[in-house]
C-alpha atoms as a PDB file:
ATOM      1  CA  UNK A   1       0.000   0.000   0.000  1.00  0.00           C
ATOM      2  CA  UNK A   2       1.396   3.415  -0.876  1.00  0.00           C
ATOM      3  CA  UNK A   3       2.081   5.525   2.187  1.00  0.00           C
ATOM      4  CA  UNK A   4       0.836   9.076   2.546  1.00  0.00           C
ATOM      5  CA  UNK A   5       2.528  11.557   4.872  1.00  0.00           C
ATOM      6  CA  UNK A   6       3.127   9.964   8.254  1.00  0.00           C
ATOM      7  CA  UNK A   7       3.287  11.964  11.453  1.00  0.00           C
ATOM      8  CA  UNK A   8       5.893  11.756  14.187  1.00  0.00           C
ATOM      9  CA  UNK A   9       4.562   8.381  15.331  1.00  0.00           C
ATOM     10  CA  UNK A  10       2.462   5.704  13.725  1.00  0.00           C
ATOM     11  CA  UNK A  11      -0.922   6.013  15.406  1.00  0.00           C
ATOM     12  CA  UNK A  12      -3.651   3.413  15.026  1.00  0.00           C
ATOM     13  CA  UNK A  13      -7.090   4.568  14.006  1.00  0.00           C
ATOM     14  CA  UNK A  14      -9.275   4.251  17.144  1.00  0.00           C
ATOM     15  CA  UNK A  15     -12.409   3.587  15.113  1.00  0.00           C
ATOM     16  CA  UNK A  16     -10.860   0.751  13.103  1.00  0.00           C
ATOM     17  CA  UNK A  17      -8.881  -0.572  16.079  1.00  0.00           C
ATOM     18  CA  UNK A  18     -12.123  -0.937  18.075  1.00  0.00           C
ATOM     19  CA  UNK A  19     -13.231  -3.377  15.356  1.00  0.00           C
ATOM     20  CA  UNK A  20      -9.896  -5.287  15.522  1.00  0.00           C
ATOM     21  CA  UNK A  21      -8.586  -3.745  12.301  1.00  0.00           C
ATOM     22  CA  UNK A  22      -5.021  -2.491  12.558  1.00  0.00           C
ATOM     23  CA  UNK A  23      -4.733   0.592  10.338  1.00  0.00           C
ATOM     24  CA  UNK A  24      -2.131   3.351  10.625  1.00  0.00           C
ATOM     25  CA  UNK A  25      -3.337   6.932  10.572  1.00  0.00           C
ATOM     26  CA  UNK A  26      -1.887   9.563   8.276  1.00  0.00           C
ATOM     27  CA  UNK A  27      -1.054  13.163   9.098  1.00  0.00           C
ATOM     28  CA  UNK A  28      -2.274  16.236   7.235  1.00  0.00           C
ATOM     29  CA  UNK A  29       0.218  18.999   7.998  1.00  0.00           C
ATOM     30  CA  UNK A  30      -1.964  21.780   6.567  1.00  0.00           C
ATOM     31  CA  UNK A  31      -4.919  20.959   8.815  1.00  0.00           C
ATOM     32  CA  UNK A  32      -2.734  19.611  11.654  1.00  0.00           C
ATOM     33  CA  UNK A  33      -4.851  16.510  12.127  1.00  0.00           C
ATOM     34  CA  UNK A  34      -4.670  12.764  11.596  1.00  0.00           C
ATOM     35  CA  UNK A  35      -6.974  10.854   9.280  1.00  0.00           C
ATOM     36  CA  UNK A  36      -7.715   7.251   8.385  1.00  0.00           C
ATOM     37  CA  UNK A  37      -7.829   6.048   4.785  1.00  0.00           C
ATOM     38  CA  UNK A  38     -10.164   3.153   5.623  1.00  0.00           C
ATOM     39  CA  UNK A  39     -12.892   4.947   7.584  1.00  0.00           C
ATOM     40  CA  UNK A  40     -13.965   8.557   8.058  1.00  0.00           C
ATOM     41  CA  UNK A  41     -12.145   9.198  11.341  1.00  0.00           C
ATOM     42  CA  UNK A  42     -10.219  12.460  11.633  1.00  0.00           C
ATOM     43  CA  UNK A  43      -8.865  14.142  14.733  1.00  0.00           C
ATOM     44  CA  UNK A  44      -6.016  15.831  16.501  1.00  0.00           C
ATOM     45  CA  UNK A  45      -3.234  13.926  18.197  1.00  0.00           C
ATOM     46  CA  UNK A  46      -5.075  14.271  21.522  1.00  0.00           C
ATOM     47  CA  UNK A  47      -8.258  12.790  20.017  1.00  0.00           C
ATOM     48  CA  UNK A  48      -6.351   9.798  18.638  1.00  0.00           C
ATOM     49  CA  UNK A  49      -4.481   9.161  21.891  1.00  0.00           C
ATOM     50  CA  UNK A  50      -7.692   9.438  23.937  1.00  0.00           C
ATOM     51  CA  UNK A  51      -9.484   6.999  21.624  1.00  0.00           C
ATOM     52  CA  UNK A  52      -6.638   4.494  21.676  1.00  0.00           C
ATOM     53  CA  UNK A  53      -6.403   4.645  25.481  1.00  0.00           C
ATOM     54  CA  UNK A  54     -10.027   3.517  25.738  1.00  0.00           C
ATOM     55  CA  UNK A  55      -9.331   0.611  23.381  1.00  0.00           C
ATOM     56  CA  UNK A  56      -6.247  -0.474  25.377  1.00  0.00           C
ATOM     57  CA  UNK A  57      -8.519  -1.490  28.254  1.00  0.00           C
ATOM     58  CA  UNK A  58      -9.460  -4.496  26.154  1.00  0.00           C
ATOM     59  CA  UNK A  59      -5.848  -5.687  26.020  1.00  0.00           C
ATOM     60  CA  UNK A  60      -4.612  -4.818  29.532  1.00  0.00           C
ATOM     61  CA  UNK A  61      -4.211  -8.479  30.607  1.00  0.00           C
ATOM     62  CA  UNK A  62      -3.051  -9.792  27.245  1.00  0.00           C
ATOM     63  CA  UNK A  63       0.369 -10.882  28.553  1.00  0.00           C
ATOM     64  CA  UNK A  64      -0.936 -12.221  31.885  1.00  0.00           C
ATOM     65  CA  UNK A  65      -1.177 -15.983  32.227  1.00  0.00           C
ATOM     66  CA  UNK A  66      -4.252 -17.106  34.152  1.00  0.00           C
ATOM     67  CA  UNK A  67      -3.842 -20.441  35.889  1.00  0.00           C
ATOM     68  CA  UNK A  68      -6.842 -20.237  38.190  1.00  0.00           C
ATOM     69  CA  UNK A  69     -10.335 -19.247  37.185  1.00  0.00           C
ATOM     70  CA  UNK A  70     -11.693 -18.979  40.724  1.00  0.00           C
ATOM     71  CA  UNK A  71     -12.647 -15.302  40.731  1.00  0.00           C
ATOM     72  CA  UNK A  72     -15.114 -15.524  43.615  1.00  0.00           C
END
């Protein structure tokens, strides 16, 4: 896939990432915002980071090994 202008970091689109689709966002320097080529999401760096932080709650225990399922 041809790459458009990337920002300082590769951010994941929060809208696509919520649906388990891993898509990098692209940066528009004129408008100073990030956008996704797959969906209609656009936003500032703060919007993207806030959206991705909510999604990270899903994966907080991804590297934890559960040996007991007695949660009572």
